[in-house]
Amino acid sequence: MAVEEILNHPSVRVRNKSVVEAKLNAILKGGSEQLAVISDFDFTLTKSIDESGEKCLGSHAVINHLLLSLHPELTDQVNAVNSKYVAIEYDPHLSKEEKIPHMIEWWTKAHENYINFGIHRDDIERIVENTNIKLRDGAGAMLKHLEAASIPMLLFSAGVGNVIEAFLRHQLGSIPKNIHIISNILYFNENGFVRACSEPLIHVFCKDSTVIPHDAPFFDDIAHRGNVLLLGDSLGDLHMDVGVKHSGTVLRIGYLNSNAERLLELYLDGFDIVLVEDQTTDVPDLILKALI
């Protein structure tokens, strides 16, 4: 019954129904003790558009918003840099390998701006509360279900981990102990200003376990669980489980937030389930409710 309800959800698209049914049944049979969740943050756990149809911000955009509020004279420069590299990121004529050096260059320039132009720890906390970044409808309840069932969740982001941490604290009161954040972390000097960024740098095309320290206390907990529920919103999220040793089933759910007509077939090539223009976590939460 749970499998039927999931597949009949109005936003669900699948290419091979029997394969998806088999994966769902395997995950349900394995139970909560065998499940780990690996999820992107920006526009996966959070909304891509708000209730009024306005585009929401990702965690890097939040810091850029802060940077430009402090230094409006940088607006044209920052916008030009972003336009240049966005075009490279989505260029269909370039391979992933060709794009990677440009992505490293882009992320490095952004982080250098945060250091050179005086981003302060307290400003990050303040701006997170006052910018358009929102959890998907139902995401708070889904996170509580995961915590109650002691299901580990790896939040994998090429954005800024400090924004993610501040946002979750603001939304949930505290960061649940089962949530582990892998992202770019800004380090601050004794006066509270950004002095450095964590390494290795995490960009959109290197989101896999090669950037996770294998001696991290949570790594074994995730690695020892047979099944993985993977949530993402871009094709770069498809391989977030690579390098994590799991012996069971990986169910990949992709949020297709825009350009559905153009991108649906590409998303169906990679994701088992594609959720079209869905600003909720209803479908992954249906899976969790059936487990718990």
Protein backbone atom coordinates (compact mmCIF):
# COMPACT_ATOMS: atom_id res chain seq x y z
CA MET A 1 0.00 0.00 0.00
CA ALA A 2 2.83 2.43 0.88
CA VAL A 3 4.59 1.74 -2.43
CA GLU A 4 1.38 2.39 -4.35
CA GLU A 5 0.78 5.65 -2.48
CA ILE A 6 4.31 6.85 -3.23
CA LEU A 7 4.15 6.03 -6.94
CA ASN A 8 0.70 7.58 -7.29
CA HIS A 9 1.78 10.91 -5.79
CA PRO A 10 0.97 13.62 -8.38
CA SER A 11 4.51 15.00 -8.60
CA VAL A 12 6.18 11.59 -9.07
CA ARG A 13 7.68 10.58 -12.42
CA VAL A 14 9.48 7.27 -12.97
CA ARG A 15 10.93 5.60 -16.02
CA ASN A 16 10.98 1.98 -14.83
CA LYS A 17 8.15 1.34 -12.40
CA SER A 18 9.11 -2.27 -11.62
CA VAL A 19 12.70 -1.30 -10.72
CA VAL A 20 11.47 1.48 -8.44
CA GLU A 21 8.92 -0.85 -6.80
CA ALA A 22 11.68 -3.39 -6.14
CA LYS A 23 13.94 -0.73 -4.59
CA LEU A 24 11.14 0.66 -2.42
CA ASN A 25 10.22 -2.82 -1.20
CA ALA A 26 13.88 -3.62 -0.43
CA ILE A 27 14.25 -0.43 1.62
CA LEU A 28 10.99 -1.06 3.48
CA LYS A 29 12.02 -4.65 4.18
CA GLY A 30 15.43 -3.51 5.50
CA GLY A 31 13.77 -1.22 8.03
CA SER A 32 15.04 1.93 9.70
CA GLU A 33 18.11 0.17 11.18
CA GLN A 34 19.47 -0.43 7.68
CA LEU A 35 18.76 3.03 6.23
CA ALA A 36 20.94 6.11 5.87
CA VAL A 37 19.84 9.32 4.15
CA ILE A 38 22.28 11.30 2.01
CA SER A 39 20.83 14.63 0.96
CA ASP A 40 21.80 17.82 -0.76
CA PHE A 41 20.78 21.00 1.09
CA ASP A 42 20.15 23.93 -1.27
CA PHE A 43 16.88 23.49 -3.19
CA THR A 44 16.56 19.90 -1.97
CA LEU A 45 15.91 20.27 1.73
CA THR A 46 15.02 23.90 1.04
CA LYS A 47 12.51 25.38 -1.39
CA SER A 48 13.46 26.65 -4.83
CA ILE A 49 10.57 29.14 -4.86
CA ASP A 50 8.43 30.53 -2.06
CA GLU A 51 4.64 30.81 -1.76
CA SER A 52 4.58 34.01 -3.83
CA GLY A 53 6.63 32.46 -6.64
CA GLU A 54 9.81 34.34 -5.73
CA LYS A 55 13.09 32.46 -6.15
CA CYS A 56 14.60 31.34 -2.84
CA LEU A 57 18.29 31.64 -2.06
CA GLY A 58 20.93 28.96 -1.71
CA SER A 59 23.54 29.12 1.05
CA HIS A 60 26.24 30.68 -1.17
CA ALA A 61 23.73 33.26 -2.41
CA VAL A 62 22.96 34.18 1.21
CA ILE A 63 26.63 35.07 1.77
CA ASN A 64 26.77 36.92 -1.56
CA HIS A 65 23.67 38.85 -0.49
CA LEU A 66 25.49 39.77 2.72
CA LEU A 67 28.68 40.70 0.84
CA LEU A 68 26.82 43.02 -1.53
CA SER A 69 24.84 44.63 1.29
CA LEU A 70 28.17 45.54 2.89
CA HIS A 71 29.94 46.40 -0.39
CA PRO A 72 27.38 47.42 -3.06
CA GLU A 73 30.24 48.59 -5.28
CA LEU A 74 31.03 44.89 -5.92
CA THR A 75 27.62 44.14 -7.44
CA ASP A 76 28.59 44.30 -11.12
CA GLN A 77 31.80 42.36 -10.55
CA VAL A 78 30.15 39.56 -8.55
CA ASN A 79 27.24 39.26 -10.98
CA ALA A 80 29.59 39.08 -13.97
CA VAL A 81 31.69 36.35 -12.33
CA ASN A 82 28.61 34.33 -11.41
CA SER A 83 27.13 34.63 -14.91
CA LYS A 84 30.40 33.46 -16.46
CA TYR A 85 30.70 30.33 -14.33
CA VAL A 86 27.00 29.40 -14.34
CA ALA A 87 27.23 29.26 -18.14
CA ILE A 88 30.21 26.90 -17.85
CA GLU A 89 28.49 24.72 -15.22
CA TYR A 90 25.51 24.09 -17.50
CA ASP A 91 27.35 24.04 -20.86
CA PRO A 92 26.21 20.78 -22.56
CA HIS A 93 29.31 20.79 -24.79
CA LEU A 94 31.79 20.54 -21.91
CA SER A 95 32.55 17.33 -20.02
CA LYS A 96 32.51 17.16 -16.24
CA GLU A 97 36.31 16.90 -16.28
CA GLU A 98 36.56 20.07 -18.38
CA LYS A 99 34.23 21.94 -16.04
CA ILE A 100 35.96 21.03 -12.77
CA PRO A 101 38.92 23.49 -13.01
CA HIS A 102 36.46 26.31 -13.66
CA MET A 103 34.31 25.30 -10.69
CA ILE A 104 37.38 25.29 -8.42
CA GLU A 105 38.28 28.74 -9.73
CA TRP A 106 34.73 30.01 -9.12
CA TRP A 107 34.45 28.70 -5.56
CA THR A 108 37.96 29.94 -4.73
CA LYS A 109 37.16 33.47 -5.93
CA ALA A 110 33.98 33.51 -3.85
CA HIS A 111 35.80 32.38 -0.71
CA GLU A 112 38.57 34.93 -1.27
CA ASN A 113 35.91 37.66 -1.39
CA TYR A 114 34.54 36.53 1.97
CA ILE A 115 38.03 36.86 3.47
CA ASN A 116 39.08 40.08 1.74
CA PHE A 117 35.89 42.05 2.32
CA GLY A 118 35.31 41.40 6.00
CA ILE A 119 32.42 38.94 6.38
CA HIS A 120 31.70 38.65 10.12
CA ARG A 121 30.34 35.65 12.01
CA ASP A 122 27.53 37.69 13.59
CA ASP A 123 26.42 39.05 10.21
CA ILE A 124 25.90 35.50 8.96
CA GLU A 125 23.63 34.67 11.89
CA ARG A 126 21.68 37.88 11.32
CA ILE A 127 21.22 37.59 7.58
CA VAL A 128 20.10 33.95 7.70
CA GLU A 129 17.08 35.07 9.71
CA ASN A 130 16.22 37.81 7.22
CA THR A 131 16.73 36.33 3.74
CA ASN A 132 14.53 34.19 1.55
CA ILE A 133 15.71 30.70 2.44
CA LYS A 134 12.97 28.28 3.51
CA LEU A 135 12.61 24.62 4.40
CA ARG A 136 10.40 22.65 2.04
CA ASP A 137 6.88 22.11 3.36
CA GLY A 138 7.02 19.11 5.68
CA ALA A 139 10.82 19.08 5.95
CA GLY A 140 10.79 19.94 9.65
CA ALA A 141 8.53 16.97 10.39
CA MET A 142 10.65 14.71 8.17
CA LEU A 143 13.80 15.67 10.08
CA LYS A 144 12.04 14.88 13.35
CA HIS A 145 11.02 11.46 12.01
CA LEU A 146 14.65 10.75 11.10
CA GLU A 147 15.88 11.85 14.51
CA ALA A 148 13.25 9.82 16.38
CA ALA A 149 14.22 6.69 14.43
CA SER A 150 17.99 7.36 14.83
CA ILE A 151 18.44 7.29 11.06
CA PRO A 152 21.67 9.12 10.18
CA MET A 153 21.39 11.93 7.66
CA LEU A 154 24.40 13.21 5.77
CA LEU A 155 23.72 16.74 4.50
CA PHE A 156 26.08 17.16 1.58
CA SER A 157 26.44 20.68 0.23
CA ALA A 158 28.73 22.60 -2.09
CA GLY A 159 27.40 25.72 -0.38
CA VAL A 160 28.45 27.28 2.92
CA GLY A 161 28.14 25.08 6.00
CA ASN A 162 27.97 28.02 8.41
CA VAL A 163 24.77 29.20 6.71
CA ILE A 164 23.31 25.70 6.87
CA GLU A 165 24.13 25.37 10.57
CA ALA A 166 22.69 28.81 11.40
CA PHE A 167 19.57 28.11 9.35
CA LEU A 168 18.90 24.75 11.01
CA ARG A 169 19.42 26.23 14.46
CA HIS A 170 17.02 29.02 13.61
CA GLN A 171 14.40 26.65 12.17
CA LEU A 172 14.71 23.70 14.56
CA GLY A 173 16.13 25.24 17.73
CA SER A 174 19.22 23.05 17.46
CA ILE A 175 20.88 20.71 14.98
CA PRO A 176 19.67 17.13 15.55
CA LYS A 177 22.49 14.77 16.56
CA ASN A 178 21.75 12.40 13.68
CA ILE A 179 22.47 15.14 11.09
CA HIS A 180 26.05 15.43 9.83
CA ILE A 181 26.94 18.37 7.59
CA ILE A 182 29.64 18.08 4.93
CA SER A 183 30.16 21.47 3.32
CA ASN A 184 32.52 24.41 2.91
CA ILE A 185 33.11 25.81 6.39
CA LEU A 186 34.29 29.37 7.00
CA TYR A 187 36.81 29.82 9.82
CA PHE A 188 36.97 33.07 11.77
CA ASN A 189 39.76 34.99 13.48
CA GLU A 190 39.65 36.22 17.08
CA ASN A 191 37.68 39.29 15.96
CA GLY A 192 35.02 37.20 14.25
CA PHE A 193 36.00 37.88 10.63
CA VAL A 194 36.49 35.14 8.01
CA ARG A 195 40.15 34.13 7.84
CA ALA A 196 40.01 30.87 5.84
CA CYS A 197 37.80 28.20 4.32
CA SER A 198 37.91 24.46 4.94
CA GLU A 199 39.72 22.06 2.63
CA PRO A 200 39.20 20.14 0.47
CA LEU A 201 36.98 22.61 -1.33
CA ILE A 202 33.56 21.13 -2.13
CA HIS A 203 32.07 22.21 -5.46
CA VAL A 204 29.11 20.92 -7.43
CA PHE A 205 31.10 18.17 -9.20
CA CYS A 206 32.97 16.65 -6.24
CA LYS A 207 30.12 15.76 -3.90
CA ASP A 208 31.09 12.22 -2.90
CA SER A 209 32.86 10.51 -0.02
CA THR A 210 36.33 11.45 -1.30
CA VAL A 211 35.85 14.78 0.51
CA ILE A 212 34.68 13.12 3.75
CA PRO A 213 37.38 12.24 6.30
CA HIS A 214 36.99 8.51 6.83
CA ASP A 215 37.92 8.91 10.47
CA ALA A 216 34.90 11.19 10.99
CA PRO A 217 32.87 9.78 13.90
CA PHE A 218 29.72 9.38 11.79
CA PHE A 219 31.35 7.69 8.78
CA ASP A 220 31.12 4.15 10.10
CA ASP A 221 27.49 4.60 11.12
CA ILE A 222 26.55 5.53 7.56
CA ALA A 223 28.89 3.02 5.92
CA HIS A 224 27.49 0.11 7.95
CA ARG A 225 23.92 0.71 6.84
CA GLY A 226 22.94 -1.34 3.83
CA ASN A 227 20.40 0.96 2.20
CA VAL A 228 20.59 4.61 1.16
CA LEU A 229 17.89 7.14 0.39
CA LEU A 230 19.60 9.78 -1.75
CA LEU A 231 17.94 13.17 -2.25
CA GLY A 232 19.17 15.83 -4.67
CA ASP A 233 18.09 18.49 -7.12
CA SER A 234 20.89 18.46 -9.69
CA LEU A 235 22.56 15.78 -11.78
CA GLY A 236 25.74 16.49 -9.80
CA ASP A 237 23.99 15.04 -6.74
CA LEU A 238 23.57 11.59 -8.27
CA HIS A 239 26.87 10.24 -6.96
CA MET A 240 26.87 11.56 -3.39
CA ASP A 241 26.96 7.94 -2.19
CA VAL A 242 30.09 7.05 -4.18
CA GLY A 243 32.78 5.69 -1.86
CA VAL A 244 30.36 4.95 0.98
CA LYS A 245 30.42 1.19 1.39
CA HIS A 246 26.85 -0.02 1.43
CA SER A 247 25.76 -3.49 0.42
CA GLY A 248 22.08 -2.92 -0.27
CA THR A 249 19.80 -0.64 -2.23
CA VAL A 250 20.23 3.01 -3.22
CA LEU A 251 17.00 4.82 -4.08
CA ARG A 252 17.73 8.11 -5.83
CA ILE A 253 15.06 10.82 -5.63
CA GLY A 254 15.58 14.00 -7.63
CA TYR A 255 13.77 17.31 -7.30
CA LEU A 256 13.28 18.86 -10.74
CA ASN A 257 12.58 22.42 -9.71
CA SER A 258 12.32 24.09 -13.12
CA ASN A 259 12.62 23.51 -16.89
CA ALA A 260 10.76 20.21 -16.54
CA GLU A 261 10.00 19.82 -20.24
CA ARG A 262 13.65 20.21 -21.18
CA LEU A 263 15.27 18.29 -18.31
CA LEU A 264 12.84 15.51 -17.34
CA GLU A 265 14.38 12.83 -19.56
CA LEU A 266 17.89 13.67 -18.32
CA TYR A 267 16.74 13.45 -14.71
CA LEU A 268 14.99 10.14 -15.37
CA ASP A 269 18.28 8.82 -16.79
CA GLY A 270 19.83 9.24 -13.34
CA PHE A 271 17.17 9.36 -10.63
CA ASP A 272 14.81 6.49 -9.83
CA ILE A 273 12.06 8.94 -8.85
CA VAL A 274 11.82 12.50 -10.16
CA LEU A 275 9.62 15.00 -8.31
CA VAL A 276 8.44 17.69 -10.70
CA GLU A 277 8.04 21.22 -9.30
CA ASP A 278 7.25 19.89 -5.82
CA GLN A 279 8.06 22.24 -2.93
CA THR A 280 7.37 19.58 -0.26
CA THR A 281 9.12 16.58 1.28
CA ASP A 282 5.92 14.53 1.10
CA VAL A 283 7.36 11.68 -0.99
CA PRO A 284 10.54 10.96 1.02
CA ASP A 285 8.51 11.32 4.20
CA LEU A 286 5.99 8.74 2.95
CA ILE A 287 8.91 6.31 2.70
CA LEU A 288 10.11 7.13 6.21
CA LYS A 289 6.62 6.85 7.71
CA ALA A 290 6.27 3.39 6.17
CA LEU A 291 9.57 2.39 7.81
CA ILE A 292 9.03 3.79 11.27
